[in-house]
Amino acid sequence: MAAGYLLQKTMPVYPPIAKAARVQGTVVLQATISKTGTIEGLHVLSGPAMLQQAAVDAVRSWRYRPYLLNGDPVEVETTVNVVFTLGG
């Protein structure tokens, strides 16, 4: 559901050391989308350690259209998956 409200998505920068080590995978983040659509309370739930900071840095700048409940904006908890894959 959250994906439909996403207005601005910054792609993560693949950490050079992770790329050199050929580390790939999915970083799962828990996030709160504020009443204004900004990301707050971002926490890593799982994923390769080498990729976690890059995922957090990218998702922190994402912007969402505020969720409305009875016409009023509300905070929403969501899970975000950031997938890192090496081209090949």
PDB file of N, CA and C in Angstrom:
ATOM      1  N   MET A   1       0.816  -1.190   0.000  1.00  0.00           N
ATOM      2  CA  MET A   1       0.000   0.000   0.000  1.00  0.00           C
ATOM      3  C   MET A   1       0.864   1.260   0.000  1.00  0.00           C
ATOM      4  N   ALA A   2       1.948   1.270   0.763  1.00  0.00           N
ATOM      5  CA  ALA A   2       2.787   2.460   0.866  1.00  0.00           C
ATOM      6  C   ALA A   2       3.370   2.862  -0.485  1.00  0.00           C
ATOM      7  N   ALA A   3       3.661   1.893  -1.335  1.00  0.00           N
ATOM      8  CA  ALA A   3       4.291   2.200  -2.618  1.00  0.00           C
ATOM      9  C   ALA A   3       3.442   3.136  -3.469  1.00  0.00           C
ATOM     10  N   GLY A   4       2.143   3.045  -3.373  1.00  0.00           N
ATOM     11  CA  GLY A   4       1.252   3.901  -4.145  1.00  0.00           C
ATOM     12  C   GLY A   4       1.284   5.351  -3.704  1.00  0.00           C
ATOM     13  N   TYR A   5       1.772   5.606  -2.512  1.00  0.00           N
ATOM     14  CA  TYR A   5       1.841   6.959  -1.971  1.00  0.00           C
ATOM     15  C   TYR A   5       3.229   7.575  -2.129  1.00  0.00           C
ATOM     16  N   LEU A   6       4.175   6.805  -2.649  1.00  0.00           N
ATOM     17  CA  LEU A   6       5.550   7.275  -2.778  1.00  0.00           C
ATOM     18  C   LEU A   6       5.654   8.352  -3.850  1.00  0.00           C
ATOM     19  N   LEU A   7       6.155   9.524  -3.452  1.00  0.00           N
ATOM     20  CA  LEU A   7       6.308  10.646  -4.374  1.00  0.00           C
ATOM     21  C   LEU A   7       7.746  10.799  -4.851  1.00  0.00           C
ATOM     22  N   GLN A   8       8.695  10.572  -3.959  1.00  0.00           N
ATOM     23  CA  GLN A   8      10.113  10.758  -4.285  1.00  0.00           C
ATOM     24  C   GLN A   8      10.905   9.584  -3.736  1.00  0.00           C
ATOM     25  N   LYS A   9      11.600   8.892  -4.643  1.00  0.00           N
ATOM     26  CA  LYS A   9      12.380   7.717  -4.243  1.00  0.00           C
ATOM     27  C   LYS A   9      13.821   7.907  -4.681  1.00  0.00           C
ATOM     28  N   THR A  10      14.711   7.958  -3.717  1.00  0.00           N
ATOM     29  CA  THR A  10      16.143   8.058  -3.994  1.00  0.00           C
ATOM     30  C   THR A  10      16.718   6.645  -4.025  1.00  0.00           C
ATOM     31  N   MET A  11      17.401   6.322  -5.098  1.00  0.00           N
ATOM     32  CA  MET A  11      18.013   4.999  -5.191  1.00  0.00           C
ATOM     33  C   MET A  11      19.260   4.949  -4.319  1.00  0.00           C
ATOM     34  N   PRO A  12      19.501   3.821  -3.645  1.00  0.00           N
ATOM     35  CA  PRO A  12      20.684   3.725  -2.786  1.00  0.00           C
ATOM     36  C   PRO A  12      21.966   3.659  -3.608  1.00  0.00           C
ATOM     37  N   VAL A  13      23.034   4.154  -3.015  1.00  0.00           N
ATOM     38  CA  VAL A  13      24.361   4.052  -3.623  1.00  0.00           C
ATOM     39  C   VAL A  13      24.963   2.734  -3.145  1.00  0.00           C
ATOM     40  N   TYR A  14      25.346   1.892  -4.106  1.00  0.00           N
ATOM     41  CA  TYR A  14      25.922   0.595  -3.750  1.00  0.00           C
ATOM     42  C   TYR A  14      27.292   0.843  -3.135  1.00  0.00           C
ATOM     43  N   PRO A  15      27.513   0.462  -1.887  1.00  0.00           N
ATOM     44  CA  PRO A  15      28.819   0.703  -1.264  1.00  0.00           C
ATOM     45  C   PRO A  15      29.931  -0.016  -2.044  1.00  0.00           C
ATOM     46  N   PRO A  16      30.996   0.697  -2.386  1.00  0.00           N
ATOM     47  CA  PRO A  16      32.078   0.079  -3.165  1.00  0.00           C
ATOM     48  C   PRO A  16      32.653  -1.180  -2.524  1.00  0.00           C
ATOM     49  N   ILE A  17      32.788  -1.182  -1.202  1.00  0.00           N
ATOM     50  CA  ILE A  17      33.349  -2.358  -0.529  1.00  0.00           C
ATOM     51  C   ILE A  17      32.408  -3.558  -0.646  1.00  0.00           C
ATOM     52  N   ALA A  18      31.094  -3.298  -0.599  1.00  0.00           N
ATOM     53  CA  ALA A  18      30.118  -4.381  -0.755  1.00  0.00           C
ATOM     54  C   ALA A  18      30.128  -4.895  -2.185  1.00  0.00           C
ATOM     55  N   LYS A  19      30.279  -3.973  -3.136  1.00  0.00           N
ATOM     56  CA  LYS A  19      30.340  -4.366  -4.537  1.00  0.00           C
ATOM     57  C   LYS A  19      31.582  -5.221  -4.790  1.00  0.00           C
ATOM     58  N   ALA A  20      32.721  -4.788  -4.229  1.00  0.00           N
ATOM     59  CA  ALA A  20      33.973  -5.536  -4.398  1.00  0.00           C
ATOM     60  C   ALA A  20      33.874  -6.935  -3.778  1.00  0.00           C
ATOM     61  N   ALA A  21      33.147  -7.025  -2.659  1.00  0.00           N
ATOM     62  CA  ALA A  21      32.975  -8.309  -1.980  1.00  0.00           C
ATOM     63  C   ALA A  21      31.820  -9.120  -2.575  1.00  0.00           C
ATOM     64  N   ARG A  22      31.151  -8.547  -3.595  1.00  0.00           N
ATOM     65  CA  ARG A  22      30.024  -9.172  -4.266  1.00  0.00           C
ATOM     66  C   ARG A  22      28.883  -9.498  -3.303  1.00  0.00           C
ATOM     67  N   VAL A  23      28.654  -8.586  -2.346  1.00  0.00           N
ATOM     68  CA  VAL A  23      27.557  -8.742  -1.395  1.00  0.00           C
ATOM     69  C   VAL A  23      26.288  -8.182  -2.032  1.00  0.00           C
ATOM     70  N   GLN A  24      25.240  -8.969  -2.015  1.00  0.00           N
ATOM     71  CA  GLN A  24      23.943  -8.495  -2.496  1.00  0.00           C
ATOM     72  C   GLN A  24      22.860  -9.059  -1.590  1.00  0.00           C
ATOM     73  N   GLY A  25      21.674  -8.505  -1.719  1.00  0.00           N
ATOM     74  CA  GLY A  25      20.573  -8.970  -0.888  1.00  0.00           C
ATOM     75  C   GLY A  25      19.583  -7.860  -0.631  1.00  0.00           C
ATOM     76  N   THR A  26      18.651  -8.125   0.271  1.00  0.00           N
ATOM     77  CA  THR A  26      17.581  -7.194   0.588  1.00  0.00           C
ATOM     78  C   THR A  26      17.735  -6.701   2.018  1.00  0.00           C
ATOM     79  N   VAL A  27      17.696  -5.377   2.169  1.00  0.00           N
ATOM     80  CA  VAL A  27      17.693  -4.769   3.495  1.00  0.00           C
ATOM     81  C   VAL A  27      16.244  -4.415   3.809  1.00  0.00           C
ATOM     82  N   VAL A  28      15.754  -4.908   4.936  1.00  0.00           N
ATOM     83  CA  VAL A  28      14.370  -4.659   5.352  1.00  0.00           C
ATOM     84  C   VAL A  28      14.399  -3.604   6.452  1.00  0.00           C
ATOM     85  N   LEU A  29      13.633  -2.527   6.221  1.00  0.00           N
ATOM     86  CA  LEU A  29      13.590  -1.409   7.152  1.00  0.00           C
ATOM     87  C   LEU A  29      12.173  -1.211   7.689  1.00  0.00           C
ATOM     88  N   GLN A  30      12.081  -0.813   8.936  1.00  0.00           N
ATOM     89  CA  GLN A  30      10.809  -0.405   9.541  1.00  0.00           C
ATOM     90  C   GLN A  30      10.820   1.108   9.570  1.00  0.00           C
ATOM     91  N   ALA A  31       9.775   1.736   9.053  1.00  0.00           N
ATOM     92  CA  ALA A  31       9.738   3.191   8.973  1.00  0.00           C
ATOM     93  C   ALA A  31       8.386   3.721   9.409  1.00  0.00           C
ATOM     94  N   THR A  32       8.418   4.949   9.906  1.00  0.00           N
ATOM     95  CA  THR A  32       7.186   5.680  10.188  1.00  0.00           C
ATOM     96  C   THR A  32       7.075   6.785   9.149  1.00  0.00           C
ATOM     97  N   ILE A  33       5.947   6.827   8.444  1.00  0.00           N
ATOM     98  CA  ILE A  33       5.686   7.922   7.515  1.00  0.00           C
ATOM     99  C   ILE A  33       4.895   8.957   8.305  1.00  0.00           C
ATOM    100  N   SER A  34       5.475  10.153   8.440  1.00  0.00           N
ATOM    101  CA  SER A  34       4.860  11.194   9.264  1.00  0.00           C
ATOM    102  C   SER A  34       3.611  11.762   8.598  1.00  0.00           C
ATOM    103  N   LYS A  35       2.924  12.626   9.329  1.00  0.00           N
ATOM    104  CA  LYS A  35       1.720  13.275   8.812  1.00  0.00           C
ATOM    105  C   LYS A  35       2.024  14.142   7.594  1.00  0.00           C
ATOM    106  N   THR A  36       3.291  14.581   7.460  1.00  0.00           N
ATOM    107  CA  THR A  36       3.668  15.415   6.314  1.00  0.00           C
ATOM    108  C   THR A  36       4.265  14.603   5.172  1.00  0.00           C
ATOM    109  N   GLY A  37       4.447  13.286   5.376  1.00  0.00           N
ATOM    110  CA  GLY A  37       4.961  12.429   4.317  1.00  0.00           C
ATOM    111  C   GLY A  37       6.451  12.175   4.372  1.00  0.00           C
ATOM    112  N   THR A  38       7.114  12.671   5.421  1.00  0.00           N
ATOM    113  CA  THR A  38       8.552  12.417   5.566  1.00  0.00           C
ATOM    114  C   THR A  38       8.763  11.126   6.359  1.00  0.00           C
ATOM    115  N   ILE A  39       9.969  10.582   6.242  1.00  0.00           N
ATOM    116  CA  ILE A  39      10.315   9.350   6.946  1.00  0.00           C
ATOM    117  C   ILE A  39      10.860   9.693   8.328  1.00  0.00           C
ATOM    118  N   GLU A  40      10.330   9.011   9.328  1.00  0.00           N
ATOM    119  CA  GLU A  40      10.807   9.161  10.703  1.00  0.00           C
ATOM    120  C   GLU A  40      10.976   7.775  11.299  1.00  0.00           C
ATOM    121  N   GLY A  41      11.762   7.685  12.352  1.00  0.00           N
ATOM    122  CA  GLY A  41      11.873   6.431  13.079  1.00  0.00           C
ATOM    123  C   GLY A  41      12.293   5.255  12.225  1.00  0.00           C
ATOM    124  N   LEU A  42      13.367   5.419  11.473  1.00  0.00           N
ATOM    125  CA  LEU A  42      13.821   4.382  10.553  1.00  0.00           C
ATOM    126  C   LEU A  42      14.734   3.392  11.274  1.00  0.00           C
ATOM    127  N   HIS A  43      14.401   2.094  11.200  1.00  0.00           N
ATOM    128  CA  HIS A  43      15.172   1.047  11.876  1.00  0.00           C
ATOM    129  C   HIS A  43      15.416  -0.119  10.927  1.00  0.00           C
ATOM    130  N   VAL A  44      16.612  -0.696  10.994  1.00  0.00           N
ATOM    131  CA  VAL A  44      16.940  -1.876  10.195  1.00  0.00           C
ATOM    132  C   VAL A  44      16.385  -3.115  10.895  1.00  0.00           C
ATOM    133  N   LEU A  45      15.637  -3.912  10.145  1.00  0.00           N
ATOM    134  CA  LEU A  45      15.125  -5.173  10.671  1.00  0.00           C
ATOM    135  C   LEU A  45      16.021  -6.340  10.287  1.00  0.00           C
ATOM    136  N   SER A  46      16.517  -6.315   9.035  1.00  0.00           N
ATOM    137  CA  SER A  46      17.379  -7.399   8.582  1.00  0.00           C
ATOM    138  C   SER A  46      18.086  -6.992   7.302  1.00  0.00           C
ATOM    139  N   GLY A  47      19.066  -7.790   6.919  1.00  0.00           N
ATOM    140  CA  GLY A  47      19.785  -7.557   5.674  1.00  0.00           C
ATOM    141  C   GLY A  47      21.286  -7.554   5.885  1.00  0.00           C
ATOM    142  N   PRO A  48      22.046  -7.686   4.787  1.00  0.00           N
ATOM    143  CA  PRO A  48      23.506  -7.712   4.881  1.00  0.00           C
ATOM    144  C   PRO A  48      24.047  -6.433   5.529  1.00  0.00           C
ATOM    145  N   ALA A  49      24.921  -6.602   6.520  1.00  0.00           N
ATOM    146  CA  ALA A  49      25.466  -5.464   7.270  1.00  0.00           C
ATOM    147  C   ALA A  49      26.132  -4.431   6.365  1.00  0.00           C
ATOM    148  N   MET A  50      26.824  -4.888   5.333  1.00  0.00           N
ATOM    149  CA  MET A  50      27.533  -3.958   4.436  1.00  0.00           C
ATOM    150  C   MET A  50      26.583  -3.059   3.646  1.00  0.00           C
ATOM    151  N   LEU A  51      25.325  -3.438   3.549  1.00  0.00           N
ATOM    152  CA  LEU A  51      24.365  -2.690   2.741  1.00  0.00           C
ATOM    153  C   LEU A  51      23.384  -1.861   3.559  1.00  0.00           C
ATOM    154  N   GLN A  52      23.354  -2.075   4.858  1.00  0.00           N
ATOM    155  CA  GLN A  52      22.338  -1.445   5.693  1.00  0.00           C
ATOM    156  C   GLN A  52      22.408   0.083   5.694  1.00  0.00           C
ATOM    157  N   GLN A  53      23.592   0.663   5.864  1.00  0.00           N
ATOM    158  CA  GLN A  53      23.686   2.123   5.943  1.00  0.00           C
ATOM    159  C   GLN A  53      23.285   2.781   4.632  1.00  0.00           C
ATOM    160  N   ALA A  54      23.653   2.185   3.509  1.00  0.00           N
ATOM    161  CA  ALA A  54      23.275   2.736   2.207  1.00  0.00           C
ATOM    162  C   ALA A  54      21.751   2.728   2.041  1.00  0.00           C
ATOM    163  N   ALA A  55      21.111   1.667   2.514  1.00  0.00           N
ATOM    164  CA  ALA A  55      19.648   1.586   2.429  1.00  0.00           C
ATOM    165  C   ALA A  55      18.998   2.652   3.309  1.00  0.00           C
ATOM    166  N   VAL A  56      19.486   2.808   4.528  1.00  0.00           N
ATOM    167  CA  VAL A  56      18.947   3.820   5.448  1.00  0.00           C
ATOM    168  C   VAL A  56      19.131   5.217   4.867  1.00  0.00           C
ATOM    169  N   ASP A  57      20.315   5.508   4.339  1.00  0.00           N
ATOM    170  CA  ASP A  57      20.587   6.837   3.772  1.00  0.00           C
ATOM    171  C   ASP A  57      19.626   7.158   2.626  1.00  0.00           C
ATOM    172  N   ALA A  58      19.341   6.178   1.795  1.00  0.00           N
ATOM    173  CA  ALA A  58      18.450   6.403   0.654  1.00  0.00           C
ATOM    174  C   ALA A  58      17.005   6.598   1.116  1.00  0.00           C
ATOM    175  N   VAL A  59      16.518   5.698   1.952  1.00  0.00           N
ATOM    176  CA  VAL A  59      15.110   5.734   2.361  1.00  0.00           C
ATOM    177  C   VAL A  59      14.806   6.970   3.210  1.00  0.00           C
ATOM    178  N   ARG A  60      15.776   7.438   3.965  1.00  0.00           N
ATOM    179  CA  ARG A  60      15.560   8.620   4.804  1.00  0.00           C
ATOM    180  C   ARG A  60      15.108   9.828   3.978  1.00  0.00           C
ATOM    181  N   SER A  61      15.500   9.897   2.708  1.00  0.00           N
ATOM    182  CA  SER A  61      15.149  11.047   1.864  1.00  0.00           C
ATOM    183  C   SER A  61      13.857  10.824   1.052  1.00  0.00           C
ATOM    184  N   TRP A  62      13.249   9.648   1.165  1.00  0.00           N
ATOM    185  CA  TRP A  62      12.016   9.387   0.430  1.00  0.00           C
ATOM    186  C   TRP A  62      10.896  10.273   0.964  1.00  0.00           C
ATOM    187  N   ARG A  63       9.965  10.604   0.089  1.00  0.00           N
ATOM    188  CA  ARG A  63       8.806  11.412   0.468  1.00  0.00           C
ATOM    189  C   ARG A  63       7.536  10.721  -0.008  1.00  0.00           C
ATOM    190  N   TYR A  64       6.543  10.730   0.847  1.00  0.00           N
ATOM    191  CA  TYR A  64       5.256  10.106   0.557  1.00  0.00           C
ATOM    192  C   TYR A  64       4.143  11.146   0.581  1.00  0.00           C
ATOM    193  N   ARG A  65       3.075  10.851  -0.142  1.00  0.00           N
ATOM    194  CA  ARG A  65       1.846  11.626  -0.010  1.00  0.00           C
ATOM    195  C   ARG A  65       1.252  11.227   1.339  1.00  0.00           C
ATOM    196  N   PRO A  66       0.876  12.197   2.178  1.00  0.00           N
ATOM    197  CA  PRO A  66       0.344  11.841   3.507  1.00  0.00           C
ATOM    198  C   PRO A  66      -0.880  10.929   3.412  1.00  0.00           C
ATOM    199  N   TYR A  67      -0.946  10.011   4.352  1.00  0.00           N
ATOM    200  CA  TYR A  67      -2.112   9.138   4.457  1.00  0.00           C
ATOM    201  C   TYR A  67      -3.221   9.902   5.152  1.00  0.00           C
ATOM    202  N   LEU A  68      -4.423   9.732   4.662  1.00  0.00           N
ATOM    203  CA  LEU A  68      -5.562  10.429   5.256  1.00  0.00           C
ATOM    204  C   LEU A  68      -6.515   9.426   5.883  1.00  0.00           C
ATOM    205  N   LEU A  69      -6.967   9.741   7.078  1.00  0.00           N
ATOM    206  CA  LEU A  69      -7.976   8.953   7.765  1.00  0.00           C
ATOM    207  C   LEU A  69      -9.090   9.926   8.133  1.00  0.00           C
ATOM    208  N   ASN A  70     -10.249   9.736   7.544  1.00  0.00           N
ATOM    209  CA  ASN A  70     -11.375  10.660   7.728  1.00  0.00           C
ATOM    210  C   ASN A  70     -10.986  12.087   7.364  1.00  0.00           C
ATOM    211  N   GLY A  71     -10.142  12.226   6.347  1.00  0.00           N
ATOM    212  CA  GLY A  71      -9.738  13.542   5.866  1.00  0.00           C
ATOM    213  C   GLY A  71      -8.581  14.176   6.608  1.00  0.00           C
ATOM    214  N   ASP A  72      -8.082  13.529   7.660  1.00  0.00           N
ATOM    215  CA  ASP A  72      -6.968  14.076   8.433  1.00  0.00           C
ATOM    216  C   ASP A  72      -5.710  13.245   8.199  1.00  0.00           C
ATOM    217  N   PRO A  73      -4.549  13.913   8.045  1.00  0.00           N
ATOM    218  CA  PRO A  73      -3.298  13.163   7.874  1.00  0.00           C
ATOM    219  C   PRO A  73      -2.943  12.392   9.149  1.00  0.00           C
ATOM    220  N   VAL A  74      -2.432  11.177   8.958  1.00  0.00           N
ATOM    221  CA  VAL A  74      -2.040  10.337  10.091  1.00  0.00           C
ATOM    222  C   VAL A  74      -0.666   9.731   9.840  1.00  0.00           C
ATOM    223  N   GLU A  75       0.039   9.401  10.934  1.00  0.00           N
ATOM    224  CA  GLU A  75       1.300   8.673  10.827  1.00  0.00           C
ATOM    225  C   GLU A  75       0.991   7.219  10.488  1.00  0.00           C
ATOM    226  N   VAL A  76       1.885   6.612   9.701  1.00  0.00           N
ATOM    227  CA  VAL A  76       1.693   5.223   9.288  1.00  0.00           C
ATOM    228  C   VAL A  76       3.009   4.474   9.463  1.00  0.00           C
ATOM    229  N   GLU A  77       2.927   3.281  10.034  1.00  0.00           N
ATOM    230  CA  GLU A  77       4.082   2.391  10.139  1.00  0.00           C
ATOM    231  C   GLU A  77       4.121   1.527   8.883  1.00  0.00           C
ATOM    232  N   THR A  78       5.305   1.346   8.322  1.00  0.00           N
ATOM    233  CA  THR A  78       5.431   0.519   7.130  1.00  0.00           C
ATOM    234  C   THR A  78       6.770  -0.197   7.132  1.00  0.00           C
ATOM    235  N   THR A  79       6.861  -1.219   6.319  1.00  0.00           N
ATOM    236  CA  THR A  79       8.112  -1.936   6.107  1.00  0.00           C
ATOM    237  C   THR A  79       8.565  -1.650   4.682  1.00  0.00           C
ATOM    238  N   VAL A  80       9.854  -1.340   4.537  1.00  0.00           N
ATOM    239  CA  VAL A  80      10.419  -1.018   3.233  1.00  0.00           C
ATOM    240  C   VAL A  80      11.511  -2.036   2.925  1.00  0.00           C
ATOM    241  N   ASN A  81      11.463  -2.629   1.734  1.00  0.00           N
ATOM    242  CA  ASN A  81      12.509  -3.540   1.266  1.00  0.00           C
ATOM    243  C   ASN A  81      13.370  -2.814   0.251  1.00  0.00           C
ATOM    244  N   VAL A  82      14.669  -2.753   0.508  1.00  0.00           N
ATOM    245  CA  VAL A  82      15.616  -2.155  -0.435  1.00  0.00           C
ATOM    246  C   VAL A  82      16.482  -3.286  -0.978  1.00  0.00           C
ATOM    247  N   VAL A  83      16.343  -3.554  -2.276  1.00  0.00           N
ATOM    248  CA  VAL A  83      17.018  -4.694  -2.892  1.00  0.00           C
ATOM    249  C   VAL A  83      18.301  -4.233  -3.577  1.00  0.00           C
ATOM    250  N   PHE A  84      19.400  -4.874  -3.251  1.00  0.00           N
ATOM    251  CA  PHE A  84      20.682  -4.620  -3.869  1.00  0.00           C
ATOM    252  C   PHE A  84      21.060  -5.833  -4.702  1.00  0.00           C
ATOM    253  N   THR A  85      21.231  -5.637  -6.002  1.00  0.00           N
ATOM    254  CA  THR A  85      21.667  -6.719  -6.866  1.00  0.00           C
ATOM    255  C   THR A  85      22.819  -6.244  -7.724  1.00  0.00           C
ATOM    256  N   LEU A  86      23.753  -7.110  -7.944  1.00  0.00           N
ATOM    257  CA  LEU A  86      24.894  -6.812  -8.810  1.00  0.00           C
ATOM    258  C   LEU A  86      24.522  -7.201 -10.234  1.00  0.00           C
ATOM    259  N   GLY A  87      24.765  -6.287 -11.159  1.00  0.00           N
ATOM    260  CA  GLY A  87      24.518  -6.616 -12.562  1.00  0.00           C
ATOM    261  C   GLY A  87      25.442  -7.722 -12.995  1.00  0.00           C
ATOM    262  N   GLY A  88      24.991  -8.510 -13.952  1.00  0.00           N
ATOM    263  CA  GLY A  88      25.917  -9.556 -14.276  1.00  0.00           C
ATOM    264  C   GLY A  88      25.605 -10.264 -15.508  1.00  0.00           C
TER     265      GLY A  88
END
